[in-house]
N, C-alpha and C. Protein backbone atom coordinates (compact mmCIF):
# COMPACT_ATOMS: atom_id res chain seq x y z
N MET A 1 60.34 52.17 120.48
CA MET A 1 61.58 52.13 119.71
C MET A 1 62.29 50.82 120.00
N LEU A 2 62.42 50.53 121.23
CA LEU A 2 63.21 49.28 121.60
C LEU A 2 62.53 48.04 121.11
N GLY A 3 61.21 48.04 121.17
CA GLY A 3 60.52 46.85 120.70
C GLY A 3 60.64 46.68 119.18
N LYS A 4 60.67 47.77 118.52
CA LYS A 4 60.84 47.72 117.07
C LYS A 4 62.24 47.24 116.68
N ASN A 5 63.23 47.69 117.41
CA ASN A 5 64.66 47.20 117.07
C ASN A 5 64.75 45.70 117.37
N ALA A 6 64.16 45.26 118.51
CA ALA A 6 64.24 43.81 118.82
C ALA A 6 63.45 42.97 117.75
N ALA A 7 62.32 43.52 117.31
CA ALA A 7 61.51 42.81 116.26
C ALA A 7 62.25 42.74 114.99
N GLU A 8 62.96 43.85 114.59
CA GLU A 8 63.63 43.81 113.34
C GLU A 8 64.77 42.86 113.35
N SER A 9 65.45 42.70 114.45
CA SER A 9 66.61 41.83 114.55
C SER A 9 66.33 40.37 114.77
N ALA A 10 65.01 40.02 115.13
CA ALA A 10 64.62 38.68 115.46
C ALA A 10 64.34 37.88 114.09
N PRO A 11 64.78 36.66 114.03
CA PRO A 11 64.58 35.82 112.85
C PRO A 11 63.10 35.44 112.79
N ILE A 12 62.60 35.39 111.60
CA ILE A 12 61.18 34.96 111.34
C ILE A 12 61.13 33.46 111.08
N ASP A 13 60.28 32.76 111.86
CA ASP A 13 60.07 31.35 111.71
C ASP A 13 58.59 31.00 111.86
N ASP A 14 58.33 29.81 112.45
CA ASP A 14 56.93 29.40 112.74
C ASP A 14 56.17 30.49 113.51
N PHE A 15 56.84 31.06 114.50
CA PHE A 15 56.32 32.13 115.27
C PHE A 15 56.77 33.37 114.52
N LEU A 16 56.05 34.47 114.54
CA LEU A 16 56.46 35.58 113.73
C LEU A 16 57.83 36.08 114.02
N PHE A 17 58.27 36.22 115.26
CA PHE A 17 59.53 36.75 115.62
C PHE A 17 60.34 35.74 116.34
N GLY A 18 60.10 34.50 116.22
CA GLY A 18 60.90 33.43 116.85
C GLY A 18 60.20 32.96 118.15
N PRO A 19 60.60 31.82 118.60
CA PRO A 19 59.96 31.23 119.72
C PRO A 19 60.22 31.89 121.10
N ASP A 20 61.36 32.68 121.15
CA ASP A 20 61.74 33.33 122.32
C ASP A 20 61.76 34.77 122.30
N PHE A 21 60.91 35.32 121.49
CA PHE A 21 60.86 36.84 121.30
C PHE A 21 60.58 37.54 122.59
N SER A 22 59.68 37.12 123.38
CA SER A 22 59.37 37.76 124.64
C SER A 22 60.55 37.83 125.57
N GLU A 23 61.35 36.75 125.62
CA GLU A 23 62.59 36.81 126.41
C GLU A 23 63.63 37.72 125.87
N THR A 24 63.75 37.81 124.48
CA THR A 24 64.62 38.72 123.86
C THR A 24 64.26 40.18 124.14
N LEU A 25 62.87 40.43 124.04
CA LEU A 25 62.45 41.79 124.32
C LEU A 25 62.72 42.19 125.74
N LYS A 26 62.41 41.28 126.73
CA LYS A 26 62.62 41.65 128.14
C LYS A 26 64.13 41.83 128.44
N ALA A 27 64.94 41.04 127.84
CA ALA A 27 66.41 41.28 128.00
C ALA A 27 66.90 42.63 127.49
N ALA A 28 66.32 43.03 126.31
CA ALA A 28 66.67 44.37 125.79
C ALA A 28 66.17 45.44 126.67
N GLN A 29 64.94 45.24 127.22
CA GLN A 29 64.44 46.36 128.14
C GLN A 29 65.26 46.39 129.35
N VAL A 30 65.73 45.27 129.88
CA VAL A 30 66.53 45.34 131.14
C VAL A 30 67.78 46.02 130.80
N CYS A 31 68.45 45.80 129.65
CA CYS A 31 69.63 46.44 129.31
C CYS A 31 69.55 47.95 129.10
N GLU A 32 68.33 48.28 128.51
CA GLU A 32 68.15 49.69 128.36
C GLU A 32 67.89 50.43 129.61
N LYS A 33 67.25 49.77 130.54
CA LYS A 33 66.94 50.41 131.89
C LYS A 33 68.29 50.52 132.68
N ALA A 34 69.17 49.50 132.56
CA ALA A 34 70.44 49.54 133.31
C ALA A 34 71.32 50.68 132.70
N GLY A 35 71.30 50.85 131.41
CA GLY A 35 71.97 51.98 130.81
C GLY A 35 71.54 53.27 131.27
N ARG A 36 70.14 53.49 131.30
CA ARG A 36 69.68 54.79 131.81
C ARG A 36 70.08 55.00 133.23
N ASP A 37 70.01 53.93 134.09
CA ASP A 37 70.39 54.01 135.51
C ASP A 37 71.89 54.47 135.66
N VAL A 38 72.72 53.83 134.87
CA VAL A 38 74.12 54.16 134.92
C VAL A 38 74.41 55.64 134.43
N SER A 39 73.73 56.00 133.37
CA SER A 39 73.92 57.42 132.92
C SER A 39 73.41 58.41 133.88
N LYS A 40 72.26 58.15 134.63
CA LYS A 40 71.86 59.10 135.58
C LYS A 40 72.87 59.15 136.70
N THR A 41 73.46 57.98 137.08
CA THR A 41 74.42 58.03 138.19
C THR A 41 75.59 58.85 137.82
N LEU A 42 76.06 58.65 136.58
CA LEU A 42 77.27 59.42 136.09
C LEU A 42 76.90 60.88 136.04
N LEU A 43 75.79 61.21 135.55
CA LEU A 43 75.46 62.68 135.54
C LEU A 43 75.37 63.29 136.88
N THR A 44 74.91 62.54 137.87
CA THR A 44 74.77 63.07 139.26
C THR A 44 76.17 63.23 139.84
N VAL A 45 77.03 62.24 139.67
CA VAL A 45 78.35 62.34 140.11
C VAL A 45 79.17 63.50 139.43
N GLY A 46 78.95 63.62 138.04
CA GLY A 46 79.59 64.63 137.35
C GLY A 46 79.24 66.03 137.80
N LYS A 47 77.91 66.21 138.11
CA LYS A 47 77.54 67.61 138.55
C LYS A 47 78.13 67.91 139.85
N LYS A 48 78.27 66.94 140.79
CA LYS A 48 78.80 67.23 142.11
C LYS A 48 80.32 67.48 142.07
N THR A 49 81.03 66.82 141.13
CA THR A 49 82.47 66.91 141.18
C THR A 49 82.93 68.07 140.35
N LEU A 50 82.10 68.58 139.41
CA LEU A 50 82.57 69.61 138.40
C LEU A 50 82.16 71.04 138.84
N GLN A 51 81.53 71.19 140.08
CA GLN A 51 81.16 72.52 140.46
C GLN A 51 82.40 73.40 140.80
N PRO A 52 82.33 74.63 140.41
CA PRO A 52 83.53 75.54 140.65
C PRO A 52 83.66 75.87 142.16
N HIS A 53 84.84 76.05 142.65
CA HIS A 53 85.04 76.37 143.93
C HIS A 53 84.93 77.82 144.25
N ALA A 54 84.17 78.21 145.24
CA ALA A 54 83.81 79.60 145.43
C ALA A 54 84.99 80.30 146.11
N THR A 55 86.02 79.62 146.69
CA THR A 55 87.04 80.30 147.39
C THR A 55 88.37 80.26 146.56
N TYR A 56 88.22 80.32 145.31
CA TYR A 56 89.38 80.31 144.41
C TYR A 56 90.13 81.59 144.47
N SER A 57 91.39 81.60 144.79
CA SER A 57 92.21 82.84 144.74
C SER A 57 93.60 82.50 144.08
N PRO A 58 93.88 83.11 142.95
CA PRO A 58 95.10 82.79 142.32
C PRO A 58 96.36 83.22 143.14
N LEU A 59 97.44 82.46 142.94
CA LEU A 59 98.61 82.75 143.67
C LEU A 59 99.29 83.89 142.98
N THR A 60 99.85 84.88 143.74
CA THR A 60 100.52 86.03 143.15
C THR A 60 102.04 85.93 143.49
N ALA A 61 102.83 86.26 142.54
CA ALA A 61 104.25 86.22 142.78
C ALA A 61 104.89 87.54 143.22
């Protein structure tokens, strides 16, 4: 899917998708991987911080 998006946004010239298509594709792949890594980190942190406390006792007046 990523390669298709990069190919569709690349200008067409003497080379089918431009002279630096491989660099554009690699940059897009690096960005996608970084995004996945960040989202995994956020999910892990979120699961650890949002667990309910087992010793919850409401205050009574």
